[in-house]
Protein backbone atom coordinates (compact mmCIF):
# COMPACT_ATOMS: atom_id res chain seq x y z
CA MET A 1 100.38 17.11 38.44
CA LYS A 2 99.83 15.58 35.02
CA LEU A 3 96.37 16.25 33.61
CA SER A 4 94.88 13.99 30.95
CA VAL A 5 92.19 15.38 28.66
CA VAL A 6 90.01 13.00 26.64
CA THR A 7 88.43 14.22 23.40
CA VAL A 8 85.91 11.90 21.79
CA CYS A 9 85.13 12.56 18.15
CA ARG A 10 83.60 11.18 14.99
CA ASN A 11 83.46 13.14 11.73
CA SER A 12 84.32 16.33 13.61
CA ALA A 13 86.49 17.95 10.93
CA ARG A 14 84.50 21.18 11.04
CA THR A 15 85.25 21.90 14.70
CA ILE A 16 88.05 19.73 16.07
CA ARG A 17 90.94 21.96 15.02
CA GLN A 18 89.85 24.79 17.33
CA THR A 19 89.27 22.27 20.12
CA LEU A 20 92.76 20.78 19.87
CA GLU A 21 94.38 24.18 19.47
CA SER A 22 92.77 25.33 22.72
CA PHE A 23 94.38 22.32 24.43
CA LEU A 24 97.78 23.08 22.89
CA GLU A 25 97.52 26.69 24.11
CA GLN A 26 97.20 25.62 27.75
CA ASP A 27 100.18 26.83 29.78
CA HIS A 28 100.03 23.95 32.26
CA PRO A 29 103.16 21.95 31.32
CA GLU A 30 102.18 18.45 32.48
CA LYS A 31 99.38 17.42 30.15
CA GLU A 32 98.32 14.84 27.61
CA LEU A 33 95.46 14.63 25.14
CA VAL A 34 93.76 11.28 24.50
CA VAL A 35 91.81 11.43 21.23
CA VAL A 36 89.27 8.63 20.84
CA ASP A 37 88.02 8.72 17.27
CA GLY A 38 85.06 6.58 16.26
CA ALA A 39 86.50 5.58 12.88
CA SER A 40 85.78 8.91 11.21
CA THR A 41 85.29 8.95 7.45
CA ASP A 42 86.10 12.66 7.02
CA GLU A 43 89.32 14.62 7.62
CA THR A 44 89.18 14.34 11.42
CA PRO A 45 92.07 11.81 11.79
CA ALA A 46 94.28 13.82 9.44
CA ILE A 47 93.64 17.04 11.38
CA VAL A 48 94.45 15.31 14.68
CA ARG A 49 97.70 13.88 13.31
CA SER A 50 98.71 17.22 11.83
CA LEU A 51 98.38 18.95 15.21
CA SER A 52 99.91 16.21 17.36
CA ASP A 53 102.96 17.52 19.19
CA GLY A 54 103.96 14.49 21.23
CA THR A 55 101.36 15.05 23.96
CA PHE A 56 98.60 13.30 21.95
CA ARG A 57 97.56 9.67 22.29
CA ILE A 58 95.27 8.62 19.44
CA LEU A 59 92.86 5.69 19.13
CA SER A 60 90.68 5.32 16.03
CA GLU A 61 88.21 2.45 15.85
CA PRO A 62 84.43 1.87 15.79
CA ASP A 63 82.60 2.28 19.09
CA ARG A 64 79.12 1.89 20.52
CA GLY A 65 78.51 5.58 20.96
CA LEU A 66 79.68 8.58 22.96
CA TYR A 67 79.95 7.01 26.40
CA ASP A 68 81.58 3.84 25.12
CA ALA A 69 84.25 6.06 23.56
CA MET A 70 84.60 7.99 26.82
CA ASN A 71 85.13 4.71 28.66
CA LYS A 72 87.94 3.90 26.25
CA GLY A 73 89.50 7.22 27.21
CA LEU A 74 89.26 6.34 30.89
CA ALA A 75 91.13 3.11 30.15
CA LEU A 76 93.89 4.88 28.21
CA PHE A 77 94.82 8.01 30.17
CA THR A 78 98.16 8.08 31.99
CA GLY A 79 97.86 11.26 34.07
CA ASP A 80 97.15 11.90 37.73
CA ALA A 81 93.70 13.24 36.85
CA VAL A 82 91.37 13.24 33.85
CA GLY A 83 88.52 15.20 32.29
CA PHE A 84 86.79 15.54 28.92
CA LEU A 85 86.94 18.20 26.22
CA ASN A 86 84.18 17.79 23.63
CA SER A 87 85.24 17.93 19.99
CA ASP A 88 83.24 21.12 19.38
CA ASP A 89 84.18 22.91 22.62
CA ARG A 90 87.26 24.83 23.70
CA TYR A 91 88.91 26.13 26.86
CA LYS A 92 88.00 29.67 27.85
CA ASP A 93 91.65 30.76 28.04
CA LYS A 94 95.17 29.36 28.30
CA GLU A 95 95.12 29.11 32.12
CA CYS A 96 92.19 26.71 32.54
CA LEU A 97 94.19 23.50 33.02
CA ALA A 98 96.43 25.30 35.51
CA ARG A 99 93.35 26.34 37.49
CA ILE A 100 92.10 22.75 37.46
CA ALA A 101 95.46 21.35 38.54
CA ALA A 102 95.66 23.84 41.42
CA ALA A 103 92.19 22.82 42.62
CA LEU A 104 93.06 19.13 42.43
CA GLU A 105 96.14 19.61 44.58
CA GLN A 106 93.68 20.01 47.47
CA ALA A 107 90.76 17.90 46.23
CA ASP A 108 89.83 14.66 44.47
CA ILE A 109 87.23 16.21 42.17
CA SER A 110 86.97 19.68 40.67
CA PHE A 111 84.40 21.44 38.51
CA GLY A 112 83.66 25.00 37.47
CA ASP A 113 81.56 27.31 35.33
CA LEU A 114 81.04 27.32 31.58
CA ASP A 115 79.58 29.51 28.87
CA PHE A 116 77.39 28.28 26.02
CA VAL A 117 78.35 30.02 22.80
CA LYS A 118 76.60 30.20 19.45
CA ASP A 119 79.88 29.60 17.65
CA HIS A 120 83.55 29.88 18.47
CA PRO A 121 84.77 32.48 15.97
CA ASP A 122 82.87 35.36 17.59
CA ARG A 123 82.33 33.60 20.98
CA THR A 124 78.94 35.25 21.52
CA ILE A 125 77.59 33.94 24.82
CA ALA A 126 74.04 32.58 24.64
CA ARG A 127 73.82 31.03 28.10
CA ARG A 128 75.92 31.06 31.27
CA TRP A 129 76.24 28.06 33.60
CA ARG A 130 77.37 29.28 37.00
CA GLY A 131 77.85 26.55 39.56
CA SER A 132 78.25 26.29 43.31
CA PRO A 133 80.07 24.03 45.79
CA PHE A 134 78.76 20.51 46.25
CA GLU A 135 77.04 19.40 49.47
CA LYS A 136 75.76 15.91 50.18
CA GLY A 137 72.18 15.68 49.00
CA SER A 138 72.60 18.34 46.31
CA PHE A 139 71.53 16.00 43.51
CA ARG A 140 68.22 15.46 45.31
CA ARG A 141 67.63 19.23 45.04
CA GLY A 142 68.26 19.40 41.30
CA TRP A 143 71.90 20.47 41.49
CA MET A 144 74.54 19.11 39.14
CA PRO A 145 77.97 20.26 37.96
CA ALA A 146 78.79 21.03 34.33
CA HIS A 147 80.32 17.82 33.00
CA PRO A 148 82.74 19.51 30.54
CA THR A 149 84.38 21.15 33.58
CA PHE A 150 84.44 17.96 35.69
CA TYR A 151 87.92 16.57 36.44
CA VAL A 152 88.76 13.70 38.78
CA ARG A 153 91.92 12.23 40.20
CA ARG A 154 92.88 8.69 39.18
CA ARG A 155 91.68 7.21 42.48
CA VAL A 156 88.16 8.47 41.73
CA VAL A 157 88.13 6.66 38.39
CA GLU A 158 89.40 3.51 40.07
CA SER A 159 86.65 3.73 42.69
CA VAL A 160 83.67 4.88 40.61
CA GLY A 161 84.35 2.85 37.49
CA ARG A 162 83.03 3.60 34.02
CA PHE A 163 80.10 5.37 32.39
CA ASP A 164 76.94 3.24 32.44
CA LEU A 165 75.93 2.66 28.82
CA SER A 166 72.32 2.01 29.82
CA TYR A 167 71.97 5.82 30.03
CA PRO A 168 72.29 6.91 26.37
CA ILE A 169 71.91 10.62 27.23
CA ALA A 170 72.52 10.95 30.98
CA ALA A 171 75.50 8.65 31.65
CA ASP A 172 77.60 11.71 32.55
CA TYR A 173 74.98 12.77 35.12
CA ASP A 174 74.90 9.27 36.59
CA TYR A 175 78.71 9.17 36.75
CA MET A 176 78.96 12.52 38.55
CA LEU A 177 76.20 11.54 40.97
CA ARG A 178 78.03 8.34 41.87
CA ALA A 179 81.36 10.15 42.20
CA LEU A 180 80.00 12.83 44.53
CA GLU A 181 76.98 11.44 46.40
CA LEU A 182 78.14 7.85 46.99
CA THR A 183 81.72 8.51 48.10
CA SER A 184 83.68 10.57 50.60
CA PHE A 185 85.89 12.21 47.98
CA HIS A 186 86.57 15.89 48.53
CA SER A 187 85.46 18.27 45.78
CA ALA A 188 86.44 21.81 44.84
CA TYR A 189 84.35 24.34 42.92
CA ILE A 190 86.26 26.69 40.61
CA ALA A 191 84.27 29.94 40.35
CA TYR A 192 85.50 30.70 36.86
CA PRO A 193 84.23 29.83 33.34
CA LEU A 194 86.56 27.09 32.12
CA ILE A 195 84.85 26.04 28.89
CA ASP A 196 83.15 27.62 25.90
CA MET A 197 80.57 25.01 24.92
CA THR A 198 78.62 25.15 21.67
CA MET A 199 74.85 24.98 21.83
CA GLY A 200 73.05 21.82 20.72
CA GLY A 201 74.73 19.02 22.65
CA LYS A 202 73.35 15.50 22.91
CA SER A 203 71.09 16.25 25.90
CA THR A 204 69.74 19.53 24.46
CA ALA A 205 69.52 18.73 20.75
CA SER A 206 65.71 18.65 20.90
CA MET A 207 62.90 18.85 23.43
CA LEU A 208 62.48 15.08 23.20
CA SER A 209 66.14 14.42 24.00
CA TYR A 210 65.94 16.93 26.87
CA VAL A 211 62.94 15.10 28.35
CA LYS A 212 64.60 11.71 27.87
CA GLY A 213 67.76 12.97 29.56
CA ASN A 214 65.83 14.18 32.59
CA LEU A 215 63.95 10.90 32.88
CA GLN A 216 67.23 9.00 32.72
CA ALA A 217 68.62 11.27 35.46
CA LEU A 218 65.56 10.42 37.55
CA ARG A 219 66.27 6.72 37.03
CA SER A 220 69.80 7.26 38.34
CA ARG A 221 68.46 9.02 41.45
CA ARG A 222 65.93 6.25 42.00
CA ILE A 223 68.67 3.61 41.87
CA TRP A 224 71.36 5.37 43.89
CA LEU A 225 69.48 7.86 46.10
CA ARG A 226 66.25 5.90 46.63
CA ALA A 227 64.20 8.69 45.05
CA GLY A 228 60.52 8.11 44.47
CA TYR A 229 58.75 7.46 41.19
CA LEU A 230 58.75 11.24 40.86
CA ASP A 231 60.96 13.56 42.90
CA ALA A 232 61.60 17.24 43.50
CA ALA A 233 64.71 17.27 41.33
CA LEU A 234 62.64 16.32 38.27
CA VAL A 235 61.21 19.84 38.50
CA SER A 236 63.99 21.80 40.20
CA LYS A 237 66.76 20.55 37.91
CA PRO A 238 65.22 22.12 34.74
CA LEU A 239 64.16 25.23 36.70
CA ARG A 240 67.75 25.83 37.84
CA LYS A 241 68.80 26.08 34.20
CA LEU A 242 66.30 28.80 33.35
CA GLY A 243 68.49 31.33 35.14
CA GLN A 244 71.35 30.51 32.77
CA PHE A 245 69.51 32.37 30.00
CA LEU A 246 69.10 35.63 31.92
CA PRO A 247 71.22 38.57 30.74
CA ARG A 248 74.17 39.52 32.98
């Protein structure tokens, strides 16, 4: 199974080398990396070109933001399945893509655990996201998978479509909800941390962005799951994440 990985970046020279190196270290042989660069003005394009080993596909042009760039990646990938590796994240170890490919041999969608780290050099874990298998109705109860671990077969992309740009922060949540709750695709949970993710992503950069992201997620549930003006997940979704900060 050929796995495509999409990395979206813009002026990511400080972090992208470690991200791309973690892809190159993967021991799964059938893989490609699609780099969608938003017309960076720093050394990002040069770093990408210097590391390209024939498995990279590179697009560099202006975009309308993160999810527009991700949609470009969905239009470009050539593999049997696809997922996203953020330009400041890295795979936990060299076997992660192999674990994903094995799960997707028996499923249409796979997702797993991740660790939030303060920085990659020392890999100190600040927060642990431990998931669970999906059941219909899970999004109503505040459940969601970790998007950086979320991989889908080509037929899922063809059925679900693209990220909805009307969700500036929560388009990934909306996409995963549509892929899991509105279809009959089979999913597989990988009980293993696949990604080291740096703290301070778009949805958690500030309390305001966190609140906006949760309100956008509520809008998605109202549209697709007929949730009320307020619903239980508006409370249970943030509460689920509190446990990720507990020491283990």
